[in-house]
Amino acid sequence: MTAPRWWDSPHHSVEGELAYFAEAGLDFALDRELFDTAEVVRFDGELRCGSQTSPATVIYPPAYDAGQHPLVVVPNLDIGRHRSPNGALCLDHPVLGEIAPMCGAEAVQRAERLWLLWETDRSRLHEEEADAPDPWGNYVDYAAETAVLVDLPAEPQLGERGYLHVSLASLDPLRGSLVRLRQTHPSPLELIAPPATSTVLCGPREIQGVWQRLEAPPPDPMLPSLHGWLLGEQEALLTRALSYARSHPDPEMPALLGFIYPDEGPERGQYHDTWLFLVISPGGVLQAPRPVALRGDETWIRQPGLAPLAHRSVAILGVGALGSQIAALLARAGVANFLLVDSDVLSPGNRVRHELDLADVGRFKTAALGDRLRRINPGCEVTERPQRLGGLMAPMLSAVQAGDDALAAQLAAADLIVNASADTAAGFHCSKIARHAGTSVLHSWVGPGAWGARMLIQRSGDEPSGCTECLARWQEEEQGNVQVPPLAADPTPGEVIEAGCADPSFTGSGFELSAAAAAAARVAVQVLGEDRNVEYPSADFDLLSLDFRGLDSAHPTSQHNRLPIHPDCSICHG
């Protein structure tokens, strides 16, 4: 199938574009050979600014008739941040005119106005352009799918040059973590110890190289220019890197050079130290692996209202299909501290609903999910307890109660317990521990077939709400004004006993579990933020019931209810 051509539409044609250029008094000609051989529309001509001219090309995108405007490329025009290294001009400044779909002639007129303002009124252009940084590093031709994770500060006190070590998860494409930065060799002074997060892209191989601090970035970010720059201004450093690589026992290991240079950001007009990595293969091919720096404020750039979560802790009881997704969502939200409790290991069947996948089959869910959370949020701390709350899991009976007491103390220390265990006894035991300790719990579970879901906030403090036993009693009695909506139930609920009767699960689709997890994470943030100024509405309910199989299954229906403490509850009145 071929996509529709914009020049065949009723409103656009190549001849029409040529007429627009002529009407505007612009001398631009179609590259007929490129159009006939590749079906790419390009017009060549010149930009004008007073008596000055500069060669220019107008290139039309395939979605031109859908609103994508043509690209104006002027390779020889220096107008600062308004031109990318490949010569493409930024034409989206409001001062240049209406930011609306434009024909090629209008794009050229905007380009000429951009040039005129650059020459005559830069202050106006400066005021109208996007208030964002324009990092030099954005224009480097990075090798596809490469990454060097940097979680080491490039502080001035590190000195001017030295040696670096990158642990490799893979060599082709090059993916690894900068794990050591040294100033001397061969008796190295380790200036920075490798942080725990650097293990994310680590592997069995290590590439060793040299680094140098620069007062300014190289003149041109394109690879041919960088190659010439290395051979010229950085010849001595290049020689050391090549010598270092030849001494490596692995003949496939490339030479590695790292450069610390000042680049613009995170705000416009601000500058910070950043990295440029260059590798040269044994065959002499130059590549630039992409530097990926971890910044402490990145968690909050896209969700500033959740910043107070950086000081909150959550215990997740049960990290199965529901609990694992809740944990991942809260880690993305920026929760700083997790306690994961589950005695189960990941099986192949779990992957249809679980946050984890086949790479973690056979591992304790707590350990595998702990690694996942650290990859999502490198700033969080995770404690893993592969045991069953209130169960006989210890090999020696004398250790059962002591182990449960230790776990109970850890649960009580959390700001919020999320019970996603799908185990009635564990839920009751959790309710009892939390009520005794004065800790709040969010109980979350799905109904048969995952047709419905519930979230119960068991509050502590001056206005406590009911627990799981209270819910069970109110459901049975249906007395007074306490309403407990029924859960939508699959008419043919199924049970899965993949590994024997001690390891039951249930039927239900992953996307329903995801919807329930999203709702539970939202409620958890509401509870966590009630006394921490999180920019999220407080939860003015105790029980949330969701129905995924209503009239509009794309939007689950919900009911919000209060759930007071039941007068006969043995947990709340015990």
Protein backbone atom coordinates (compact mmCIF):
# COMPACT_ATOMS: atom_id res chain seq x y z
CA MET A 1 0.00 0.00 0.00
CA THR A 2 1.25 3.48 -0.84
CA ALA A 3 0.28 6.52 1.19
CA PRO A 4 -1.78 9.26 -0.50
CA ARG A 5 0.37 11.92 -2.14
CA TRP A 6 -0.31 15.44 -0.94
CA TRP A 7 0.04 16.86 -4.43
CA ASP A 8 -2.86 14.69 -5.64
CA SER A 9 -5.30 16.22 -3.15
CA PRO A 10 -7.95 18.73 -4.32
CA HIS A 11 -6.30 21.61 -2.44
CA HIS A 12 -2.58 21.10 -3.15
CA SER A 13 -0.37 20.54 -6.17
CA VAL A 14 3.26 20.98 -7.11
CA GLU A 15 2.25 23.46 -9.79
CA GLY A 16 0.24 25.41 -7.21
CA GLU A 17 3.27 25.66 -4.93
CA LEU A 18 5.36 26.92 -7.83
CA ALA A 19 2.70 29.56 -8.51
CA TYR A 20 2.78 30.69 -4.86
CA PHE A 21 6.54 31.25 -5.12
CA ALA A 22 6.05 33.29 -8.31
CA GLU A 23 3.26 35.41 -6.76
CA ALA A 24 5.51 36.20 -3.79
CA GLY A 25 8.35 37.23 -6.10
CA LEU A 26 10.53 34.33 -4.92
CA ASP A 27 12.80 32.61 -7.43
CA PHE A 28 12.57 28.94 -6.41
CA ALA A 29 12.70 25.98 -8.80
CA LEU A 30 11.53 22.38 -8.39
CA ASP A 31 14.20 19.67 -8.21
CA ARG A 32 12.59 17.65 -10.99
CA GLU A 33 15.02 14.71 -10.82
CA LEU A 34 14.42 14.16 -7.08
CA PHE A 35 10.67 14.38 -7.63
CA ASP A 36 10.68 11.89 -10.55
CA THR A 37 12.97 9.34 -8.86
CA ALA A 38 12.01 9.56 -5.18
CA GLU A 39 8.71 11.47 -5.14
CA VAL A 40 10.19 14.08 -2.80
CA VAL A 41 9.21 17.70 -3.40
CA ARG A 42 12.11 20.12 -3.01
CA PHE A 43 12.43 23.67 -4.28
CA ASP A 44 15.83 25.39 -4.48
CA GLY A 45 16.45 29.13 -4.40
CA GLU A 46 17.83 31.93 -2.21
CA LEU A 47 16.86 33.80 0.94
CA ARG A 48 17.17 37.58 0.78
CA CYS A 49 17.97 40.09 3.49
CA GLY A 50 18.64 43.53 2.06
CA SER A 51 21.58 43.14 -0.28
CA GLN A 52 22.53 39.77 1.23
CA THR A 53 21.49 36.38 -0.14
CA SER A 54 22.00 32.81 1.00
CA PRO A 55 21.24 29.52 -0.82
CA ALA A 56 18.10 27.85 0.57
CA THR A 57 16.09 24.69 0.05
CA VAL A 58 12.40 24.14 0.81
CA ILE A 59 11.52 20.51 1.50
CA TYR A 60 7.90 19.31 1.78
CA PRO A 61 6.90 16.54 4.23
CA PRO A 62 4.53 13.70 3.22
CA ALA A 63 1.88 15.13 5.62
CA TYR A 64 2.00 18.60 4.09
CA ASP A 65 -1.71 18.53 3.27
CA ALA A 66 -2.46 17.49 6.89
CA GLY A 67 -0.83 20.55 8.44
CA GLN A 68 2.91 19.79 8.51
CA HIS A 69 4.70 22.84 7.17
CA PRO A 70 7.68 22.71 4.80
CA LEU A 71 11.23 22.74 6.12
CA VAL A 72 13.51 25.59 5.09
CA VAL A 73 17.19 24.57 5.07
CA VAL A 74 19.86 27.26 4.78
CA PRO A 75 23.28 25.59 5.27
CA ASN A 76 25.44 28.75 5.09
CA LEU A 77 23.42 31.12 7.30
CA ASP A 78 24.57 31.74 10.87
CA ILE A 79 21.64 32.93 12.96
CA GLY A 80 22.51 31.31 16.29
CA ARG A 81 20.06 29.05 18.04
CA HIS A 82 17.44 29.51 15.31
CA ARG A 83 19.29 27.19 12.94
CA SER A 84 20.16 23.56 13.60
CA PRO A 85 23.58 22.20 12.58
CA ASN A 86 22.06 20.66 9.45
CA GLY A 87 20.81 24.09 8.39
CA ALA A 88 17.08 23.74 9.19
CA LEU A 89 15.52 26.97 10.45
CA CYS A 90 13.11 27.22 13.38
CA LEU A 91 10.08 29.03 11.97
CA ASP A 92 7.66 28.60 14.88
CA HIS A 93 8.28 31.95 16.62
CA PRO A 94 5.07 33.98 16.96
CA VAL A 95 6.94 37.13 15.95
CA LEU A 96 7.34 35.67 12.45
CA GLY A 97 3.59 35.47 11.88
CA GLU A 98 0.71 33.12 12.54
CA ILE A 99 1.84 29.62 13.49
CA ALA A 100 -0.55 27.87 11.15
CA PRO A 101 -0.21 25.56 8.15
CA MET A 102 1.88 27.43 5.59
CA CYS A 103 2.82 26.89 1.98
CA GLY A 104 6.42 26.86 0.83
CA ALA A 105 6.38 30.52 -0.18
CA GLU A 106 5.08 31.53 3.27
CA ALA A 107 7.79 29.42 4.92
CA VAL A 108 10.44 31.27 2.90
CA GLN A 109 8.91 34.63 3.83
CA ARG A 110 9.02 33.66 7.51
CA ALA A 111 12.63 32.56 7.06
CA GLU A 112 13.53 35.92 5.52
CA ARG A 113 11.82 37.76 8.38
CA LEU A 114 13.78 35.59 10.84
CA TRP A 115 17.01 36.62 9.14
CA LEU A 116 15.96 40.28 9.12
CA LEU A 117 15.18 40.29 12.84
CA TRP A 118 18.47 38.54 13.55
CA GLU A 119 20.27 41.34 11.75
CA THR A 120 18.20 44.29 13.03
CA ASP A 121 16.18 43.45 16.18
CA ARG A 122 17.52 40.46 18.08
CA SER A 123 15.92 41.61 21.33
CA ARG A 124 12.44 41.22 19.84
CA LEU A 125 13.31 37.84 18.43
CA HIS A 126 14.72 36.86 21.81
CA GLU A 127 11.49 37.86 23.57
CA GLU A 128 9.25 35.93 21.22
CA GLU A 129 11.17 32.67 20.89
CA ALA A 130 10.38 29.68 23.05
CA ASP A 131 11.61 30.06 26.64
CA ALA A 132 13.57 26.82 26.53
CA PRO A 133 17.22 25.77 26.37
CA ASP A 134 18.86 24.73 23.13
CA PRO A 135 21.54 22.22 24.16
CA TRP A 136 24.46 21.64 21.82
CA GLY A 137 24.20 17.94 22.62
CA ASN A 138 20.77 17.72 20.97
CA TYR A 139 22.42 17.94 17.56
CA VAL A 140 25.00 15.17 17.90
CA ASP A 141 24.46 12.26 15.50
CA TYR A 142 24.22 9.60 18.20
CA ALA A 143 24.50 5.95 17.18
CA ALA A 144 21.14 4.18 17.13
CA GLU A 145 19.95 2.52 20.36
CA THR A 146 23.16 3.34 22.24
CA ALA A 147 23.28 4.67 25.79
CA VAL A 148 25.87 5.41 28.45
CA LEU A 149 24.08 5.96 31.75
CA VAL A 150 25.77 8.64 33.84
CA ASP A 151 24.93 8.84 37.53
CA LEU A 152 28.26 10.42 38.50
CA PRO A 153 28.54 14.18 39.00
CA ALA A 154 30.83 16.05 36.62
CA GLU A 155 31.99 18.46 39.31
CA PRO A 156 34.82 20.94 38.68
CA GLN A 157 36.80 19.47 41.60
CA LEU A 158 37.23 16.29 39.60
CA GLY A 159 40.07 17.98 37.79
CA GLU A 160 40.82 18.38 34.10
CA ARG A 161 41.46 14.87 32.81
CA GLY A 162 41.72 11.23 33.79
CA TYR A 163 40.44 7.73 33.12
CA LEU A 164 36.92 6.32 33.02
CA HIS A 165 35.36 2.87 33.12
CA VAL A 166 32.05 1.92 31.50
CA SER A 167 30.41 -1.40 32.37
CA LEU A 168 28.73 -2.82 29.26
CA ALA A 169 25.36 -4.50 29.03
CA SER A 170 26.07 -4.86 25.29
CA LEU A 171 28.81 -3.79 22.90
CA ASP A 172 26.83 -3.56 19.66
CA PRO A 173 24.87 -1.41 20.17
CA LEU A 174 26.97 0.04 22.95
CA ARG A 175 24.86 0.20 26.11
CA GLY A 176 26.43 0.59 29.51
CA SER A 177 26.91 2.62 32.68
CA LEU A 178 29.75 4.91 33.71
CA VAL A 179 30.80 3.21 36.93
CA ARG A 180 34.20 4.72 37.77
CA LEU A 181 35.84 8.04 37.13
CA ARG A 182 39.53 8.32 37.98
CA GLN A 183 42.12 11.04 37.75
CA THR A 184 45.29 8.94 37.81
CA HIS A 185 46.51 5.67 36.31
CA PRO A 186 47.69 2.94 36.80
CA SER A 187 47.42 3.42 40.59
CA PRO A 188 44.00 5.04 40.49
CA LEU A 189 42.53 7.41 42.98
CA GLU A 190 38.82 6.63 42.89
CA LEU A 191 37.17 10.01 43.07
CA ILE A 192 33.61 8.75 42.75
CA ALA A 193 32.30 5.42 44.02
CA PRO A 194 29.84 3.67 41.70
CA PRO A 195 26.25 4.33 42.86
CA ALA A 196 23.77 1.48 43.11
CA THR A 197 21.74 2.80 40.17
CA SER A 198 24.69 2.34 37.83
CA THR A 199 24.02 -1.39 37.81
CA VAL A 200 21.02 -0.83 35.52
CA LEU A 201 23.01 -1.10 32.27
CA CYS A 202 25.97 -3.03 33.67
CA GLY A 203 27.21 -6.32 32.27
CA PRO A 204 30.15 -8.71 32.20
CA ARG A 205 32.39 -6.54 29.97
CA GLU A 206 34.09 -3.28 30.76
CA ILE A 207 35.44 -0.65 28.41
CA GLN A 208 38.17 1.64 29.74
CA GLY A 209 39.03 5.01 28.31
CA VAL A 210 40.18 8.56 28.94
CA TRP A 211 38.32 11.78 29.71
CA GLN A 212 39.03 15.48 29.34
CA ARG A 213 37.28 18.65 30.51
CA LEU A 214 36.51 21.25 27.83
CA GLU A 215 35.84 24.97 28.30
CA ALA A 216 33.31 24.86 25.43
CA PRO A 217 31.74 22.13 23.26
CA PRO A 218 33.46 21.17 19.99
CA PRO A 219 32.81 23.54 17.07
CA ASP A 220 30.43 21.22 15.19
CA PRO A 221 28.39 18.25 16.53
CA MET A 222 28.31 16.32 13.25
CA LEU A 223 30.42 13.14 13.19
CA PRO A 224 32.77 14.08 10.29
CA SER A 225 33.60 17.36 12.02
CA LEU A 226 34.06 15.60 15.37
CA HIS A 227 36.46 13.15 13.70
CA GLY A 228 38.52 16.03 12.31
CA TRP A 229 38.42 17.79 15.68
CA LEU A 230 39.80 14.66 17.38
CA LEU A 231 42.61 14.33 14.85
CA GLY A 232 43.49 18.01 15.29
CA GLU A 233 42.84 19.58 18.68
CA GLN A 234 42.58 16.30 20.64
CA GLU A 235 45.35 14.30 18.96
CA ALA A 236 47.25 13.60 22.19
CA LEU A 237 44.13 12.37 24.02
CA LEU A 238 43.13 10.28 21.00
CA THR A 239 46.57 8.64 20.94
CA ARG A 240 46.25 7.69 24.62
CA ALA A 241 42.76 6.27 24.09
CA LEU A 242 43.86 4.17 21.11
CA SER A 243 46.88 2.87 23.03
CA TYR A 244 44.68 2.02 25.98
CA ALA A 245 42.25 0.10 23.73
CA ARG A 246 45.05 -1.92 22.03
CA SER A 247 46.21 -3.13 25.44
CA HIS A 248 42.77 -4.57 26.21
CA PRO A 249 42.62 -8.39 25.98
CA ASP A 250 39.39 -8.21 23.98
CA PRO A 251 40.31 -7.36 20.35
CA GLU A 252 36.78 -6.10 19.65
CA MET A 253 36.96 -3.44 22.36
CA PRO A 254 36.88 0.09 20.87
CA ALA A 255 38.76 3.14 22.09
CA LEU A 256 36.67 5.32 24.39
CA LEU A 257 36.94 9.07 24.93
CA GLY A 258 34.78 11.13 27.25
CA PHE A 259 34.46 14.92 27.34
CA ILE A 260 32.89 17.05 30.04
CA TYR A 261 31.68 20.35 28.59
CA PRO A 262 29.20 23.12 29.54
CA ASP A 263 25.84 22.87 27.77
CA GLU A 264 22.70 24.96 28.06
CA GLY A 265 19.98 23.82 30.48
CA PRO A 266 17.91 22.95 32.38
CA GLU A 267 16.65 26.53 31.92
CA ARG A 268 17.34 28.91 29.07
CA GLY A 269 20.52 30.84 29.77
CA GLN A 270 21.66 28.34 32.41
CA TYR A 271 24.59 25.99 31.87
CA HIS A 272 25.58 22.71 33.41
CA ASP A 273 28.33 20.15 32.91
CA THR A 274 27.38 17.32 30.60
CA TRP A 275 29.08 14.46 28.73
CA LEU A 276 30.05 13.66 25.17
CA PHE A 277 31.29 10.11 24.56
CA LEU A 278 33.11 9.04 21.39
CA VAL A 279 34.18 5.49 20.54
CA ILE A 280 36.46 4.35 17.73
CA SER A 281 36.19 0.74 16.60
CA PRO A 282 39.30 -1.36 15.84
CA GLY A 283 38.49 -0.67 12.19
CA GLY A 284 38.58 3.09 12.71
CA VAL A 285 34.83 3.83 12.63
CA LEU A 286 33.77 6.73 14.86
CA GLN A 287 30.49 6.59 16.79
CA ALA A 288 28.91 8.76 19.46
CA PRO A 289 26.95 6.70 22.02
CA ARG A 290 24.17 8.70 23.59
CA PRO A 291 24.92 10.03 27.10
CA VAL A 292 21.96 9.58 29.46
CA ALA A 293 22.39 11.59 32.64
CA LEU A 294 20.22 10.97 35.67
CA ARG A 295 19.04 14.21 37.25
CA GLY A 296 17.56 14.47 40.70
CA ASP A 297 14.75 16.80 39.59
CA GLU A 298 13.61 14.78 36.57
CA THR A 299 10.90 13.02 38.56
CA TRP A 300 9.13 16.32 39.17
CA ILE A 301 9.59 18.15 35.87
CA ARG A 302 6.51 16.47 34.37
CA GLN A 303 4.55 16.12 37.62
CA PRO A 304 5.54 19.00 39.94
CA GLY A 305 2.43 18.63 42.09
CA LEU A 306 3.60 15.22 43.35
CA ALA A 307 6.97 16.39 44.70
CA PRO A 308 5.96 15.82 48.38
CA LEU A 309 5.78 12.07 47.62
CA ALA A 310 9.60 12.07 47.69
CA HIS A 311 9.29 11.93 51.48
CA ARG A 312 6.65 9.20 51.74
CA SER A 313 6.93 5.45 52.26
CA VAL A 314 4.55 2.71 51.10
CA ALA A 315 4.39 -0.96 52.05
CA ILE A 316 2.88 -3.22 49.37
CA LEU A 317 1.43 -6.45 50.76
CA GLY A 318 1.15 -8.81 47.79
CA VAL A 319 2.99 -7.91 44.58
CA GLY A 320 1.04 -9.99 42.11
CA ALA A 321 -0.85 -8.75 39.06
CA LEU A 322 -2.48 -5.90 41.01
CA GLY A 323 0.17 -5.06 43.60
CA SER A 324 3.07 -5.02 41.14
CA GLN A 325 1.32 -2.49 38.89
CA ILE A 326 0.34 -0.31 41.86
CA ALA A 327 3.97 -0.34 43.03
CA ALA A 328 5.27 0.63 39.58
CA LEU A 329 2.78 3.50 39.26
CA LEU A 330 3.70 4.84 42.71
CA ALA A 331 7.41 4.57 41.87
CA ARG A 332 6.79 6.64 38.74
CA ALA A 333 4.87 9.13 40.88
CA GLY A 334 8.02 9.56 42.98
CA VAL A 335 7.35 7.65 46.20
CA ALA A 336 10.70 7.45 47.96
CA ASN A 337 10.56 4.24 49.99
CA PHE A 338 8.96 0.82 49.42
CA LEU A 339 8.51 -2.34 51.43
CA LEU A 340 7.52 -5.29 49.21
CA VAL A 341 5.99 -8.36 50.87
CA ASP A 342 5.18 -11.57 48.97
CA SER A 343 6.34 -15.18 49.25
CA ASP A 344 5.62 -16.14 45.63
CA VAL A 345 7.91 -16.55 42.62
CA LEU A 346 7.10 -15.39 39.10
CA SER A 347 5.74 -18.07 36.75
CA PRO A 348 5.32 -17.84 32.96
CA GLY A 349 1.54 -17.52 33.28
CA ASN A 350 1.90 -14.36 35.39
CA ARG A 351 3.19 -12.33 32.46
CA VAL A 352 -0.27 -11.71 30.97
CA ARG A 353 -1.13 -9.41 33.88
CA HIS A 354 2.04 -8.72 35.85
CA GLU A 355 4.37 -5.71 35.75
CA LEU A 356 7.25 -8.18 35.32
CA ASP A 357 7.92 -10.42 32.31
CA LEU A 358 9.67 -13.62 31.23
CA ALA A 359 13.11 -12.22 32.04
CA ASP A 360 12.26 -12.63 35.74
CA VAL A 361 10.62 -16.08 35.69
CA GLY A 362 11.65 -18.14 38.72
CA ARG A 363 12.71 -15.16 40.82
CA PHE A 364 10.94 -14.03 43.96
CA LYS A 365 8.44 -11.42 42.88
CA THR A 366 9.71 -9.09 45.60
CA ALA A 367 13.32 -9.22 44.36
CA ALA A 368 12.44 -8.86 40.68
CA LEU A 369 9.97 -6.04 41.32
CA GLY A 370 12.51 -4.33 43.58
CA ASP A 371 14.95 -4.21 40.67
CA ARG A 372 12.17 -2.90 38.43
CA LEU A 373 11.26 -0.09 40.84
CA ARG A 374 14.90 0.98 41.10
CA ARG A 375 15.07 1.19 37.33
CA ILE A 376 11.90 3.27 37.25
CA ASN A 377 12.89 5.57 40.11
CA PRO A 378 16.61 5.39 40.90
CA GLY A 379 16.09 7.62 43.93
CA CYS A 380 13.81 5.20 45.77
CA GLU A 381 14.81 2.70 48.44
CA VAL A 382 13.28 -0.78 48.33
CA THR A 383 13.16 -3.40 51.08
CA GLU A 384 12.12 -6.90 49.98
CA ARG A 385 10.47 -9.44 52.29
CA PRO A 386 9.75 -12.76 50.51
CA GLN A 387 7.43 -14.11 53.20
CA ARG A 388 3.71 -14.58 53.83
CA LEU A 389 2.22 -12.20 56.40
CA GLY A 390 0.80 -14.25 59.26
CA GLY A 391 1.70 -17.55 57.56
CA LEU A 392 3.87 -20.52 58.50
CA MET A 393 6.77 -19.76 56.17
CA ALA A 394 9.81 -20.10 58.42
CA PRO A 395 11.66 -23.44 58.41
CA MET A 396 11.74 -23.48 62.21
CA LEU A 397 8.56 -22.92 64.22
CA SER A 398 10.49 -20.97 66.84
CA ALA A 399 11.12 -18.26 64.25
CA VAL A 400 7.54 -17.92 62.96
CA GLN A 401 6.23 -15.40 65.48
CA ALA A 402 9.49 -13.44 65.60
CA GLY A 403 9.49 -13.15 61.80
CA ASP A 404 5.87 -12.02 61.75
CA ASP A 405 6.54 -9.46 64.48
CA ALA A 406 9.50 -8.06 62.55
CA LEU A 407 7.40 -7.75 59.41
CA ALA A 408 4.54 -6.17 61.35
CA ALA A 409 6.93 -3.54 62.69
CA GLN A 410 8.08 -2.73 59.17
CA LEU A 411 4.50 -2.45 57.96
CA ALA A 412 3.56 -0.17 60.84
CA ALA A 413 6.47 2.16 60.06
CA ALA A 414 5.17 2.91 56.55
CA ASP A 415 3.13 6.02 55.82
CA LEU A 416 0.63 3.80 54.00
CA ILE A 417 0.09 0.06 53.67
CA VAL A 418 -1.38 -1.14 50.38
CA ASN A 419 -2.95 -4.56 50.83
CA ALA A 420 -3.21 -6.22 47.43
CA SER A 421 -2.69 -9.75 48.72
CA ALA A 422 -6.08 -11.16 47.61
CA ASP A 423 -5.84 -13.25 50.79
CA THR A 424 -8.69 -12.79 53.31
CA ALA A 425 -6.69 -13.96 56.30
CA ALA A 426 -3.69 -11.82 55.38
CA GLY A 427 -6.00 -8.85 54.89
CA PHE A 428 -7.59 -9.31 58.31
CA HIS A 429 -4.16 -9.73 59.91
CA CYS A 430 -2.94 -6.58 58.13
CA SER A 431 -6.01 -4.66 59.35
CA LYS A 432 -5.30 -5.74 62.91
CA ILE A 433 -1.62 -4.74 62.74
CA ALA A 434 -2.45 -1.35 61.22
CA ARG A 435 -5.26 -0.59 63.70
CA HIS A 436 -2.96 -1.43 66.61
CA ALA A 437 -0.15 0.75 65.21
CA GLY A 438 -2.33 3.65 64.05
CA THR A 439 -1.33 3.21 60.41
CA SER A 440 -3.65 3.68 57.43
CA VAL A 441 -4.26 0.89 54.92
CA LEU A 442 -5.54 0.91 51.36
CA HIS A 443 -7.11 -2.50 50.74
CA SER A 444 -7.42 -3.15 47.03
CA TRP A 445 -8.77 -6.16 45.18
CA VAL A 446 -10.71 -7.22 42.10
CA GLY A 447 -13.81 -9.36 41.94
CA PRO A 448 -14.37 -12.63 40.09
CA GLY A 449 -13.23 -12.43 36.50
CA ALA A 450 -11.94 -8.91 37.17
CA TRP A 451 -15.31 -7.46 36.21
CA GLY A 452 -15.20 -5.14 39.21
CA ALA A 453 -12.77 -3.80 41.79
CA ARG A 454 -12.77 -2.21 45.22
CA MET A 455 -10.54 0.12 47.21
CA LEU A 456 -11.16 0.46 50.96
CA ILE A 457 -9.32 3.15 52.91
CA GLN A 458 -8.87 1.98 56.49
CA ARG A 459 -8.12 5.28 58.16
CA SER A 460 -6.48 5.84 61.51
CA GLY A 461 -6.39 9.04 63.52
CA ASP A 462 -9.22 11.19 64.85
CA GLU A 463 -11.79 10.00 62.29
CA PRO A 464 -11.07 6.31 61.68
CA SER A 465 -12.97 4.31 59.09
CA GLY A 466 -13.86 0.65 58.90
CA CYS A 467 -11.51 -2.24 58.19
CA THR A 468 -11.90 -5.41 56.14
CA GLU A 469 -13.86 -7.14 58.90
CA CYS A 470 -16.15 -4.12 59.14
CA LEU A 471 -16.77 -4.36 55.39
CA ALA A 472 -17.60 -8.05 55.67
CA ARG A 473 -20.05 -7.41 58.53
CA TRP A 474 -21.78 -4.48 56.83
CA GLN A 475 -22.13 -6.57 53.67
CA GLU A 476 -23.83 -9.37 55.58
CA GLU A 477 -26.22 -7.19 57.57
CA GLU A 478 -27.06 -4.37 55.15
CA GLN A 479 -28.41 -2.35 58.03
CA GLY A 480 -28.90 1.35 58.59
CA ASN A 481 -27.53 3.79 56.06
CA VAL A 482 -24.31 1.90 55.40
CA GLN A 483 -24.36 1.03 51.70
CA VAL A 484 -21.98 -1.57 50.27
CA PRO A 485 -22.47 -1.77 46.48
CA PRO A 486 -22.14 -5.27 45.07
CA LEU A 487 -19.15 -6.07 42.89
CA ALA A 488 -19.81 -6.90 39.26
CA ALA A 489 -19.22 -10.65 38.97
CA ASP A 490 -18.23 -12.71 35.95
CA PRO A 491 -21.10 -15.16 35.42
CA THR A 492 -18.57 -17.97 34.97
CA PRO A 493 -15.67 -17.08 37.26
CA GLY A 494 -12.68 -19.30 36.92
CA GLU A 495 -9.88 -20.34 39.24
CA VAL A 496 -6.37 -21.10 38.08
CA ILE A 497 -4.37 -23.66 40.03
CA GLU A 498 -1.24 -23.79 37.93
CA ALA A 499 1.16 -25.09 40.58
CA GLY A 500 -1.13 -27.04 42.88
CA CYS A 501 -3.81 -26.19 45.43
CA ALA A 502 -1.39 -24.10 47.49
CA ASP A 503 -0.92 -21.64 44.64
CA PRO A 504 -4.35 -20.51 43.39
CA SER A 505 -5.07 -17.59 41.09
CA PHE A 506 -8.13 -16.39 39.20
CA THR A 507 -9.24 -15.51 35.69
CA GLY A 508 -9.34 -11.94 34.48
CA SER A 509 -7.81 -9.75 31.80
CA GLY A 510 -4.67 -7.69 32.27
CA PHE A 511 -6.22 -4.42 31.13
CA GLU A 512 -8.93 -4.70 33.83
CA LEU A 513 -6.18 -5.24 36.42
CA SER A 514 -4.37 -2.22 35.00
CA ALA A 515 -7.49 -0.08 35.38
CA ALA A 516 -7.90 -1.26 38.97
CA ALA A 517 -4.21 -0.61 39.68
CA ALA A 518 -4.45 2.91 38.25
CA ALA A 519 -7.46 3.65 40.46
CA ALA A 520 -5.71 2.22 43.52
CA ALA A 521 -2.55 4.25 42.84
CA ARG A 522 -4.67 7.38 42.48
CA VAL A 523 -6.40 6.71 45.81
CA ALA A 524 -3.04 5.95 47.45
CA VAL A 525 -1.72 9.35 46.35
CA GLN A 526 -4.89 10.97 47.71
CA VAL A 527 -4.31 9.37 51.11
CA LEU A 528 -0.56 10.07 51.14
CA GLY A 529 -1.12 13.69 50.22
CA GLU A 530 -3.81 14.57 52.73
CA ASP A 531 -1.29 16.10 55.15
CA ARG A 532 1.60 16.84 52.76
CA ASN A 533 0.19 19.43 50.33
CA VAL A 534 0.22 17.11 47.34
CA GLU A 535 -1.63 18.86 44.53
CA TYR A 536 -4.29 16.19 44.29
CA PRO A 537 -7.81 16.21 45.75
CA SER A 538 -8.22 14.46 49.08
CA ALA A 539 -10.28 11.27 49.26
CA ASP A 540 -13.64 12.20 50.80
CA PHE A 541 -14.77 8.57 50.79
CA ASP A 542 -13.78 5.29 52.42
CA LEU A 543 -14.97 2.71 49.89
CA LEU A 544 -14.62 2.97 46.11
CA SER A 545 -16.37 0.37 43.96
CA LEU A 546 -15.65 0.07 40.23
CA ASP A 547 -17.66 -1.75 37.57
CA PHE A 548 -15.75 -2.52 34.35
CA ARG A 549 -18.70 -4.12 32.54
CA GLY A 550 -21.24 -1.32 32.60
CA LEU A 551 -23.03 0.25 29.65
CA ASP A 552 -19.81 1.91 28.54
CA SER A 553 -17.06 -0.59 29.29
CA ALA A 554 -14.38 1.86 28.14
CA HIS A 555 -15.17 4.02 31.18
CA PRO A 556 -15.69 2.07 34.43
CA THR A 557 -18.56 3.29 36.56
CA SER A 558 -17.76 4.09 40.17
CA GLN A 559 -19.53 4.48 43.50
CA HIS A 560 -18.09 6.26 46.51
CA ASN A 561 -19.29 5.39 50.01
CA ARG A 562 -18.42 5.95 53.63
CA LEU A 563 -17.70 2.87 55.73
CA PRO A 564 -17.87 3.45 59.48
CA ILE A 565 -16.49 1.03 62.02
CA HIS A 566 -18.92 -1.82 62.70
CA PRO A 567 -20.02 -2.03 66.34
CA ASP A 568 -19.19 -5.75 66.49
CA CYS A 569 -15.81 -5.63 64.69
CA SER A 570 -13.26 -7.64 66.64
CA ILE A 571 -10.36 -5.84 64.95
CA CYS A 572 -11.46 -2.26 65.55
CA HIS A 573 -12.81 -2.95 69.07
CA GLY A 574 -10.33 -5.63 70.05
